[in-house]
Amino acid sequence: MTATAIPQIEQQIAVVENALSLLLGRPPAQVGRERLADAEAQVNGRVVDVAVSEHAGGAASASVNPQSDIHASGAYRKSLVGTMVERALQSAAGLPCR
């Protein structure tokens, strides 16, 4: 990874964080890092591949407790958080998203 890629990755992170906030029924915002620390631990120091992204997605799902509202159930949003994290990692790593 080069230094020129960092702003692009930061932009991708911001887009995903905004989407995650909306999925959790909150206004678009940065996601608190402490909430996804387990997901980050699955990625830190590893080359991102499909297995790493799946483990991080599972950890992200386990780390959140979204509320249900008229738009979606909390369980659906919890599952979707994991899927979004998994796809974001795969996209950032240049892998085909499943």
PDB file of N, CA and C in Angstrom:
ATOM      1  N   MET A   1       0.848  -1.163   0.000  1.00  0.00           N
ATOM      2  CA  MET A   1       0.000   0.000   0.000  1.00  0.00           C
ATOM      3  C   MET A   1       0.900   1.234   0.000  1.00  0.00           C
ATOM      4  N   THR A   2       0.542   2.185  -0.812  1.00  0.00           N
ATOM      5  CA  THR A   2       1.317   3.420  -0.880  1.00  0.00           C
ATOM      6  C   THR A   2       0.607   4.533  -0.125  1.00  0.00           C
ATOM      7  N   ALA A   3       1.342   5.577   0.151  1.00  0.00           N
ATOM      8  CA  ALA A   3       0.768   6.717   0.864  1.00  0.00           C
ATOM      9  C   ALA A   3      -0.341   7.376   0.061  1.00  0.00           C
ATOM     10  N   THR A   4      -0.286   7.267  -1.254  1.00  0.00           N
ATOM     11  CA  THR A   4      -1.337   7.877  -2.073  1.00  0.00           C
ATOM     12  C   THR A   4      -2.647   7.104  -1.971  1.00  0.00           C
ATOM     13  N   ALA A   5      -2.602   5.865  -1.543  1.00  0.00           N
ATOM     14  CA  ALA A   5      -3.818   5.057  -1.412  1.00  0.00           C
ATOM     15  C   ALA A   5      -4.556   5.346  -0.104  1.00  0.00           C
ATOM     16  N   ILE A   6      -3.884   5.923   0.866  1.00  0.00           N
ATOM     17  CA  ILE A   6      -4.494   6.140   2.182  1.00  0.00           C
ATOM     18  C   ILE A   6      -5.724   7.039   2.123  1.00  0.00           C
ATOM     19  N   PRO A   7      -5.690   8.203   1.427  1.00  0.00           N
ATOM     20  CA  PRO A   7      -6.918   9.021   1.363  1.00  0.00           C
ATOM     21  C   PRO A   7      -8.099   8.275   0.735  1.00  0.00           C
ATOM     22  N   GLN A   8      -7.835   7.463  -0.270  1.00  0.00           N
ATOM     23  CA  GLN A   8      -8.910   6.694  -0.905  1.00  0.00           C
ATOM     24  C   GLN A   8      -9.483   5.675   0.078  1.00  0.00           C
ATOM     25  N   ILE A   9      -8.636   5.024   0.829  1.00  0.00           N
ATOM     26  CA  ILE A   9      -9.100   4.046   1.818  1.00  0.00           C
ATOM     27  C   ILE A   9      -9.884   4.750   2.919  1.00  0.00           C
ATOM     28  N   GLU A  10      -9.398   5.916   3.372  1.00  0.00           N
ATOM     29  CA  GLU A  10     -10.128   6.671   4.394  1.00  0.00           C
ATOM     30  C   GLU A  10     -11.504   7.084   3.898  1.00  0.00           C
ATOM     31  N   GLN A  11     -11.596   7.436   2.619  1.00  0.00           N
ATOM     32  CA  GLN A  11     -12.896   7.799   2.040  1.00  0.00           C
ATOM     33  C   GLN A  11     -13.810   6.582   2.012  1.00  0.00           C
ATOM     34  N   GLN A  12     -13.287   5.422   1.644  1.00  0.00           N
ATOM     35  CA  GLN A  12     -14.084   4.197   1.626  1.00  0.00           C
ATOM     36  C   GLN A  12     -14.569   3.863   3.035  1.00  0.00           C
ATOM     37  N   ILE A  13     -13.721   4.062   4.021  1.00  0.00           N
ATOM     38  CA  ILE A  13     -14.107   3.801   5.407  1.00  0.00           C
ATOM     39  C   ILE A  13     -15.241   4.730   5.816  1.00  0.00           C
ATOM     40  N   ALA A  14     -15.140   6.013   5.461  1.00  0.00           N
ATOM     41  CA  ALA A  14     -16.185   6.981   5.813  1.00  0.00           C
ATOM     42  C   ALA A  14     -17.517   6.599   5.189  1.00  0.00           C
ATOM     43  N   VAL A  15     -17.508   6.150   3.949  1.00  0.00           N
ATOM     44  CA  VAL A  15     -18.746   5.745   3.274  1.00  0.00           C
ATOM     45  C   VAL A  15     -19.372   4.559   4.006  1.00  0.00           C
ATOM     46  N   VAL A  16     -18.553   3.587   4.367  1.00  0.00           N
ATOM     47  CA  VAL A  16     -19.062   2.406   5.063  1.00  0.00           C
ATOM     48  C   VAL A  16     -19.558   2.774   6.459  1.00  0.00           C
ATOM     49  N   GLU A  17     -18.830   3.642   7.151  1.00  0.00           N
ATOM     50  CA  GLU A  17     -19.271   4.057   8.485  1.00  0.00           C
ATOM     51  C   GLU A  17     -20.611   4.780   8.419  1.00  0.00           C
ATOM     52  N   ASN A  18     -20.790   5.633   7.424  1.00  0.00           N
ATOM     53  CA  ASN A  18     -22.073   6.319   7.270  1.00  0.00           C
ATOM     54  C   ASN A  18     -23.185   5.313   7.013  1.00  0.00           C
ATOM     55  N   ALA A  19     -22.915   4.332   6.165  1.00  0.00           N
ATOM     56  CA  ALA A  19     -23.920   3.307   5.880  1.00  0.00           C
ATOM     57  C   ALA A  19     -24.239   2.495   7.130  1.00  0.00           C
ATOM     58  N   LEU A  20     -23.211   2.143   7.894  1.00  0.00           N
ATOM     59  CA  LEU A  20     -23.437   1.389   9.123  1.00  0.00           C
ATOM     60  C   LEU A  20     -24.280   2.192  10.113  1.00  0.00           C
ATOM     61  N   SER A  21     -24.002   3.480  10.226  1.00  0.00           N
ATOM     62  CA  SER A  21     -24.795   4.327  11.128  1.00  0.00           C
ATOM     63  C   SER A  21     -26.258   4.330  10.711  1.00  0.00           C
ATOM     64  N   LEU A  22     -26.505   4.482   9.424  1.00  0.00           N
ATOM     65  CA  LEU A  22     -27.882   4.476   8.939  1.00  0.00           C
ATOM     66  C   LEU A  22     -28.549   3.130   9.189  1.00  0.00           C
ATOM     67  N   LEU A  23     -27.804   2.053   8.993  1.00  0.00           N
ATOM     68  CA  LEU A  23     -28.364   0.728   9.234  1.00  0.00           C
ATOM     69  C   LEU A  23     -28.732   0.531  10.700  1.00  0.00           C
ATOM     70  N   LEU A  24     -28.003   1.198  11.569  1.00  0.00           N
ATOM     71  CA  LEU A  24     -28.277   1.095  12.997  1.00  0.00           C
ATOM     72  C   LEU A  24     -29.348   2.077  13.445  1.00  0.00           C
ATOM     73  N   GLY A  25     -29.915   2.817  12.487  1.00  0.00           N
ATOM     74  CA  GLY A  25     -30.979   3.755  12.809  1.00  0.00           C
ATOM     75  C   GLY A  25     -30.472   5.064  13.381  1.00  0.00           C
ATOM     76  N   ARG A  26     -29.248   5.422  13.063  1.00  0.00           N
ATOM     77  CA  ARG A  26     -28.640   6.653  13.559  1.00  0.00           C
ATOM     78  C   ARG A  26     -28.308   7.567  12.385  1.00  0.00           C
ATOM     79  N   PRO A  27     -28.064   8.854  12.654  1.00  0.00           N
ATOM     80  CA  PRO A  27     -27.627   9.743  11.574  1.00  0.00           C
ATOM     81  C   PRO A  27     -26.236   9.332  11.083  1.00  0.00           C
ATOM     82  N   PRO A  28     -25.895   9.641   9.826  1.00  0.00           N
ATOM     83  CA  PRO A  28     -24.565   9.296   9.320  1.00  0.00           C
ATOM     84  C   PRO A  28     -23.477   9.886  10.207  1.00  0.00           C
ATOM     85  N   ALA A  29     -22.531   9.060  10.590  1.00  0.00           N
ATOM     86  CA  ALA A  29     -21.442   9.514  11.461  1.00  0.00           C
ATOM     87  C   ALA A  29     -20.359   8.455  11.506  1.00  0.00           C
ATOM     88  N   GLN A  30     -19.221   8.861  12.038  1.00  0.00           N
ATOM     89  CA  GLN A  30     -18.139   7.916  12.248  1.00  0.00           C
ATOM     90  C   GLN A  30     -18.581   6.890  13.287  1.00  0.00           C
ATOM     91  N   VAL A  31     -18.241   5.649  13.066  1.00  0.00           N
ATOM     92  CA  VAL A  31     -18.570   4.587  14.009  1.00  0.00           C
ATOM     93  C   VAL A  31     -17.484   4.568  15.079  1.00  0.00           C
ATOM     94  N   GLY A  32     -17.906   4.576  16.331  1.00  0.00           N
ATOM     95  CA  GLY A  32     -16.938   4.531  17.425  1.00  0.00           C
ATOM     96  C   GLY A  32     -16.050   3.305  17.309  1.00  0.00           C
ATOM     97  N   ARG A  33     -14.769   3.496  17.370  1.00  0.00           N
ATOM     98  CA  ARG A  33     -13.822   2.396  17.185  1.00  0.00           C
ATOM     99  C   ARG A  33     -13.966   1.315  18.253  1.00  0.00           C
ATOM    100  N   GLU A  34     -14.346   1.691  19.443  1.00  0.00           N
ATOM    101  CA  GLU A  34     -14.476   0.679  20.491  1.00  0.00           C
ATOM    102  C   GLU A  34     -15.571  -0.320  20.175  1.00  0.00           C
ATOM    103  N   ARG A  35     -16.528   0.072  19.370  1.00  0.00           N
ATOM    104  CA  ARG A  35     -17.633  -0.821  19.040  1.00  0.00           C
ATOM    105  C   ARG A  35     -17.198  -1.938  18.102  1.00  0.00           C
ATOM    106  N   LEU A  36     -16.215  -1.685  17.256  1.00  0.00           N
ATOM    107  CA  LEU A  36     -15.796  -2.691  16.286  1.00  0.00           C
ATOM    108  C   LEU A  36     -14.371  -3.174  16.553  1.00  0.00           C
ATOM    109  N   ALA A  37     -13.928  -3.044  17.784  1.00  0.00           N
ATOM    110  CA  ALA A  37     -12.565  -3.439  18.133  1.00  0.00           C
ATOM    111  C   ALA A  37     -12.320  -4.914  17.830  1.00  0.00           C
ATOM    112  N   ASP A  38     -13.303  -5.773  18.079  1.00  0.00           N
ATOM    113  CA  ASP A  38     -13.123  -7.202  17.792  1.00  0.00           C
ATOM    114  C   ASP A  38     -12.968  -7.444  16.299  1.00  0.00           C
ATOM    115  N   ALA A  39     -13.714  -6.694  15.487  1.00  0.00           N
ATOM    116  CA  ALA A  39     -13.591  -6.829  14.035  1.00  0.00           C
ATOM    117  C   ALA A  39     -12.212  -6.350  13.576  1.00  0.00           C
ATOM    118  N   GLU A  40     -11.746  -5.247  14.129  1.00  0.00           N
ATOM    119  CA  GLU A  40     -10.422  -4.736  13.776  1.00  0.00           C
ATOM    120  C   GLU A  40      -9.340  -5.722  14.175  1.00  0.00           C
ATOM    121  N   ALA A  41      -9.506  -6.376  15.310  1.00  0.00           N
ATOM    122  CA  ALA A  41      -8.524  -7.352  15.774  1.00  0.00           C
ATOM    123  C   ALA A  41      -8.414  -8.526  14.800  1.00  0.00           C
ATOM    124  N   GLN A  42      -9.503  -8.829  14.096  1.00  0.00           N
ATOM    125  CA  GLN A  42      -9.481  -9.915  13.116  1.00  0.00           C
ATOM    126  C   GLN A  42      -8.667  -9.544  11.877  1.00  0.00           C
ATOM    127  N   VAL A  43      -8.480  -8.233  11.651  1.00  0.00           N
ATOM    128  CA  VAL A  43      -7.817  -7.751  10.439  1.00  0.00           C
ATOM    129  C   VAL A  43      -6.381  -7.320  10.706  1.00  0.00           C
ATOM    130  N   ASN A  44      -6.132  -6.720  11.864  1.00  0.00           N
ATOM    131  CA  ASN A  44      -4.809  -6.165  12.167  1.00  0.00           C
ATOM    132  C   ASN A  44      -3.706  -7.195  11.992  1.00  0.00           C
ATOM    133  N   GLY A  45      -2.698  -6.812  11.213  1.00  0.00           N
ATOM    134  CA  GLY A  45      -1.530  -7.662  11.015  1.00  0.00           C
ATOM    135  C   GLY A  45      -1.735  -8.803  10.038  1.00  0.00           C
ATOM    136  N   ARG A  46      -2.878  -8.841   9.369  1.00  0.00           N
ATOM    137  CA  ARG A  46      -3.166  -9.928   8.432  1.00  0.00           C
ATOM    138  C   ARG A  46      -3.380  -9.383   7.026  1.00  0.00           C
ATOM    139  N   VAL A  47      -3.098 -10.206   6.054  1.00  0.00           N
ATOM    140  CA  VAL A  47      -3.456  -9.893   4.678  1.00  0.00           C
ATOM    141  C   VAL A  47      -4.940 -10.215   4.545  1.00  0.00           C
ATOM    142  N   VAL A  48      -5.707  -9.253   4.046  1.00  0.00           N
ATOM    143  CA  VAL A  48      -7.154  -9.464   3.945  1.00  0.00           C
ATOM    144  C   VAL A  48      -7.450 -10.406   2.790  1.00  0.00           C
ATOM    145  N   ASP A  49      -8.080 -11.519   3.132  1.00  0.00           N
ATOM    146  CA  ASP A  49      -8.589 -12.453   2.133  1.00  0.00           C
ATOM    147  C   ASP A  49     -10.040 -12.736   2.513  1.00  0.00           C
ATOM    148  N   VAL A  50     -10.664 -13.654   1.815  1.00  0.00           N
ATOM    149  CA  VAL A  50     -12.083 -13.934   2.068  1.00  0.00           C
ATOM    150  C   VAL A  50     -12.300 -14.408   3.507  1.00  0.00           C
ATOM    151  N   ALA A  51     -11.453 -15.301   3.980  1.00  0.00           N
ATOM    152  CA  ALA A  51     -11.623 -15.828   5.337  1.00  0.00           C
ATOM    153  C   ALA A  51     -11.481 -14.728   6.393  1.00  0.00           C
ATOM    154  N   VAL A  52     -10.475 -13.862   6.243  1.00  0.00           N
ATOM    155  CA  VAL A  52     -10.276 -12.769   7.194  1.00  0.00           C
ATOM    156  C   VAL A  52     -11.479 -11.834   7.179  1.00  0.00           C
ATOM    157  N   SER A  53     -11.985 -11.507   5.984  1.00  0.00           N
ATOM    158  CA  SER A  53     -13.139 -10.602   5.911  1.00  0.00           C
ATOM    159  C   SER A  53     -14.382 -11.238   6.531  1.00  0.00           C
ATOM    160  N   GLU A  54     -14.560 -12.538   6.354  1.00  0.00           N
ATOM    161  CA  GLU A  54     -15.709 -13.217   6.956  1.00  0.00           C
ATOM    162  C   GLU A  54     -15.613 -13.213   8.482  1.00  0.00           C
ATOM    163  N   HIS A  55     -14.413 -13.460   9.021  1.00  0.00           N
ATOM    164  CA  HIS A  55     -14.232 -13.436  10.479  1.00  0.00           C
ATOM    165  C   HIS A  55     -14.475 -12.033  11.028  1.00  0.00           C
ATOM    166  N   ALA A  56     -13.970 -11.018  10.320  1.00  0.00           N
ATOM    167  CA  ALA A  56     -14.173  -9.632  10.769  1.00  0.00           C
ATOM    168  C   ALA A  56     -15.651  -9.259  10.696  1.00  0.00           C
ATOM    169  N   GLY A  57     -16.335  -9.699   9.657  1.00  0.00           N
ATOM    170  CA  GLY A  57     -17.770  -9.434   9.546  1.00  0.00           C
ATOM    171  C   GLY A  57     -18.547 -10.074  10.682  1.00  0.00           C
ATOM    172  N   GLY A  58     -18.190 -11.294  11.020  1.00  0.00           N
ATOM    173  CA  GLY A  58     -18.846 -11.972  12.144  1.00  0.00           C
ATOM    174  C   GLY A  58     -18.583 -11.263  13.457  1.00  0.00           C
ATOM    175  N   ALA A  59     -17.351 -10.799  13.644  1.00  0.00           N
ATOM    176  CA  ALA A  59     -17.015 -10.069  14.867  1.00  0.00           C
ATOM    177  C   ALA A  59     -17.760  -8.738  14.928  1.00  0.00           C
ATOM    178  N   ALA A  60     -17.908  -8.078  13.780  1.00  0.00           N
ATOM    179  CA  ALA A  60     -18.643  -6.806  13.744  1.00  0.00           C
ATOM    180  C   ALA A  60     -20.106  -7.030  14.101  1.00  0.00           C
ATOM    181  N   SER A  61     -20.696  -8.071  13.554  1.00  0.00           N
ATOM    182  CA  SER A  61     -22.094  -8.388  13.885  1.00  0.00           C
ATOM    183  C   SER A  61     -22.271  -8.643  15.373  1.00  0.00           C
ATOM    184  N   ALA A  62     -21.331  -9.366  15.945  1.00  0.00           N
ATOM    185  CA  ALA A  62     -21.414  -9.685  17.368  1.00  0.00           C
ATOM    186  C   ALA A  62     -21.202  -8.458  18.250  1.00  0.00           C
ATOM    187  N   SER A  63     -20.562  -7.436  17.702  1.00  0.00           N
ATOM    188  CA  SER A  63     -20.220  -6.243  18.488  1.00  0.00           C
ATOM    189  C   SER A  63     -21.331  -5.203  18.570  1.00  0.00           C
ATOM    190  N   VAL A  64     -22.351  -5.338  17.739  1.00  0.00           N
ATOM    191  CA  VAL A  64     -23.398  -4.311  17.714  1.00  0.00           C
ATOM    192  C   VAL A  64     -24.714  -4.869  18.245  1.00  0.00           C
ATOM    193  N   ASN A  65     -25.532  -3.972  18.719  1.00  0.00           N
ATOM    194  CA  ASN A  65     -26.847  -4.341  19.225  1.00  0.00           C
ATOM    195  C   ASN A  65     -27.860  -3.300  18.729  1.00  0.00           C
ATOM    196  N   PRO A  66     -28.144  -3.313  17.425  1.00  0.00           N
ATOM    197  CA  PRO A  66     -29.047  -2.300  16.870  1.00  0.00           C
ATOM    198  C   PRO A  66     -30.488  -2.511  17.319  1.00  0.00           C
ATOM    199  N   GLN A  67     -31.200  -1.414  17.363  1.00  0.00           N
ATOM    200  CA  GLN A  67     -32.600  -1.471  17.753  1.00  0.00           C
ATOM    201  C   GLN A  67     -33.482  -1.734  16.540  1.00  0.00           C
ATOM    202  N   SER A  68     -34.623  -2.315  16.790  1.00  0.00           N
ATOM    203  CA  SER A  68     -35.635  -2.490  15.754  1.00  0.00           C
ATOM    204  C   SER A  68     -36.451  -1.211  15.652  1.00  0.00           C
ATOM    205  N   ASP A  69     -36.940  -0.928  14.456  1.00  0.00           N
ATOM    206  CA  ASP A  69     -37.891   0.161  14.276  1.00  0.00           C
ATOM    207  C   ASP A  69     -38.817  -0.214  13.125  1.00  0.00           C
ATOM    208  N   ILE A  70     -39.568   0.734  12.627  1.00  0.00           N
ATOM    209  CA  ILE A  70     -40.537   0.412  11.574  1.00  0.00           C
ATOM    210  C   ILE A  70     -39.861   0.037  10.258  1.00  0.00           C
ATOM    211  N   HIS A  71     -38.580   0.341  10.123  1.00  0.00           N
ATOM    212  CA  HIS A  71     -37.876   0.076   8.872  1.00  0.00           C
ATOM    213  C   HIS A  71     -37.216  -1.300   8.830  1.00  0.00           C
ATOM    214  N   ALA A  72     -36.709  -1.769   9.969  1.00  0.00           N
ATOM    215  CA  ALA A  72     -36.011  -3.064   9.978  1.00  0.00           C
ATOM    216  C   ALA A  72     -35.877  -3.573  11.414  1.00  0.00           C
ATOM    217  N   SER A  73     -35.782  -4.883  11.532  1.00  0.00           N
ATOM    218  CA  SER A  73     -35.580  -5.483  12.850  1.00  0.00           C
ATOM    219  C   SER A  73     -34.116  -5.337  13.267  1.00  0.00           C
ATOM    220  N   GLY A  74     -33.887  -5.380  14.559  1.00  0.00           N
ATOM    221  CA  GLY A  74     -32.526  -5.325  15.067  1.00  0.00           C
ATOM    222  C   GLY A  74     -31.689  -6.501  14.575  1.00  0.00           C
ATOM    223  N   ALA A  75     -32.306  -7.674  14.482  1.00  0.00           N
ATOM    224  CA  ALA A  75     -31.585  -8.867  14.011  1.00  0.00           C
ATOM    225  C   ALA A  75     -31.139  -8.705  12.563  1.00  0.00           C
ATOM    226  N   TYR A  76     -32.021  -8.128  11.743  1.00  0.00           N
ATOM    227  CA  TYR A  76     -31.662  -7.897  10.334  1.00  0.00           C
ATOM    228  C   TYR A  76     -30.492  -6.918  10.254  1.00  0.00           C
ATOM    229  N   ARG A  77     -30.573  -5.834  11.010  1.00  0.00           N
ATOM    230  CA  ARG A  77     -29.503  -4.837  10.982  1.00  0.00           C
ATOM    231  C   ARG A  77     -28.193  -5.426  11.500  1.00  0.00           C
ATOM    232  N   LYS A  78     -28.265  -6.261  12.515  1.00  0.00           N
ATOM    233  CA  LYS A  78     -27.077  -6.913  13.063  1.00  0.00           C
ATOM    234  C   LYS A  78     -26.391  -7.760  11.986  1.00  0.00           C
ATOM    235  N   SER A  79     -27.172  -8.524  11.265  1.00  0.00           N
ATOM    236  CA  SER A  79     -26.645  -9.338  10.176  1.00  0.00           C
ATOM    237  C   SER A  79     -26.064  -8.473   9.064  1.00  0.00           C
ATOM    238  N   LEU A  80     -26.757  -7.388   8.766  1.00  0.00           N
ATOM    239  CA  LEU A  80     -26.329  -6.508   7.689  1.00  0.00           C
ATOM    240  C   LEU A  80     -25.016  -5.811   8.011  1.00  0.00           C
ATOM    241  N   VAL A  81     -24.791  -5.490   9.270  1.00  0.00           N
ATOM    242  CA  VAL A  81     -23.523  -4.880   9.673  1.00  0.00           C
ATOM    243  C   VAL A  81     -22.374  -5.813   9.310  1.00  0.00           C
ATOM    244  N   GLY A  82     -22.497  -7.078   9.629  1.00  0.00           N
ATOM    245  CA  GLY A  82     -21.449  -8.038   9.295  1.00  0.00           C
ATOM    246  C   GLY A  82     -21.223  -8.144   7.803  1.00  0.00           C
ATOM    247  N   THR A  83     -22.307  -8.175   7.046  1.00  0.00           N
ATOM    248  CA  THR A  83     -22.198  -8.255   5.591  1.00  0.00           C
ATOM    249  C   THR A  83     -21.513  -7.018   5.025  1.00  0.00           C
ATOM    250  N   MET A  84     -21.872  -5.835   5.533  1.00  0.00           N
ATOM    251  CA  MET A  84     -21.267  -4.599   5.045  1.00  0.00           C
ATOM    252  C   MET A  84     -19.771  -4.544   5.364  1.00  0.00           C
ATOM    253  N   VAL A  85     -19.383  -4.956   6.554  1.00  0.00           N
ATOM    254  CA  VAL A  85     -17.966  -4.966   6.925  1.00  0.00           C
ATOM    255  C   VAL A  85     -17.206  -5.953   6.042  1.00  0.00           C
ATOM    256  N   GLU A  86     -17.782  -7.125   5.854  1.00  0.00           N
ATOM    257  CA  GLU A  86     -17.147  -8.138   5.006  1.00  0.00           C
ATOM    258  C   GLU A  86     -16.942  -7.612   3.589  1.00  0.00           C
ATOM    259  N   ARG A  87     -17.972  -7.034   3.009  1.00  0.00           N
ATOM    260  CA  ARG A  87     -17.873  -6.519   1.639  1.00  0.00           C
ATOM    261  C   ARG A  87     -16.922  -5.341   1.536  1.00  0.00           C
ATOM    262  N   ALA A  88     -16.917  -4.476   2.539  1.00  0.00           N
ATOM    263  CA  ALA A  88     -16.008  -3.326   2.517  1.00  0.00           C
ATOM    264  C   ALA A  88     -14.552  -3.790   2.542  1.00  0.00           C
ATOM    265  N   LEU A  89     -14.254  -4.770   3.377  1.00  0.00           N
ATOM    266  CA  LEU A  89     -12.890  -5.293   3.427  1.00  0.00           C
ATOM    267  C   LEU A  89     -12.499  -5.955   2.112  1.00  0.00           C
ATOM    268  N   GLN A  90     -13.410  -6.730   1.558  1.00  0.00           N
ATOM    269  CA  GLN A  90     -13.113  -7.391   0.292  1.00  0.00           C
ATOM    270  C   GLN A  90     -12.907  -6.367  -0.823  1.00  0.00           C
ATOM    271  N   SER A  91     -13.735  -5.336  -0.839  1.00  0.00           N
ATOM    272  CA  SER A  91     -13.588  -4.289  -1.848  1.00  0.00           C
ATOM    273  C   SER A  91     -12.268  -3.552  -1.689  1.00  0.00           C
ATOM    274  N   ALA A  92     -11.918  -3.195  -0.457  1.00  0.00           N
ATOM    275  CA  ALA A  92     -10.674  -2.478  -0.191  1.00  0.00           C
ATOM    276  C   ALA A  92      -9.462  -3.321  -0.561  1.00  0.00           C
ATOM    277  N   ALA A  93      -9.589  -4.643  -0.424  1.00  0.00           N
ATOM    278  CA  ALA A  93      -8.476  -5.542  -0.750  1.00  0.00           C
ATOM    279  C   ALA A  93      -8.442  -5.918  -2.230  1.00  0.00           C
ATOM    280  N   GLY A  94      -9.425  -5.419  -2.989  1.00  0.00           N
ATOM    281  CA  GLY A  94      -9.478  -5.737  -4.421  1.00  0.00           C
ATOM    282  C   GLY A  94     -10.008  -7.118  -4.708  1.00  0.00           C
ATOM    283  N   LEU A  95     -10.720  -7.708  -3.754  1.00  0.00           N
ATOM    284  CA  LEU A  95     -11.308  -9.032  -3.954  1.00  0.00           C
ATOM    285  C   LEU A  95     -12.722  -8.879  -4.502  1.00  0.00           C
ATOM    286  N   PRO A  96     -13.207  -9.859  -5.246  1.00  0.00           N
ATOM    287  CA  PRO A  96     -14.597  -9.798  -5.677  1.00  0.00           C
ATOM    288  C   PRO A  96     -15.517  -9.981  -4.463  1.00  0.00           C
ATOM    289  N   CYS A  97     -16.488  -9.093  -4.325  1.00  0.00           N
ATOM    290  CA  CYS A  97     -17.427  -9.185  -3.201  1.00  0.00           C
ATOM    291  C   CYS A  97     -18.444 -10.279  -3.470  1.00  0.00           C
ATOM    292  N   ARG A  98     -18.738 -11.055  -2.430  1.00  0.00           N
ATOM    293  CA  ARG A  98     -19.736 -12.116  -2.576  1.00  0.00           C
ATOM    294  C   ARG A  98     -21.031 -11.686  -1.987  1.00  0.00           C
TER     295      ARG A  98
END
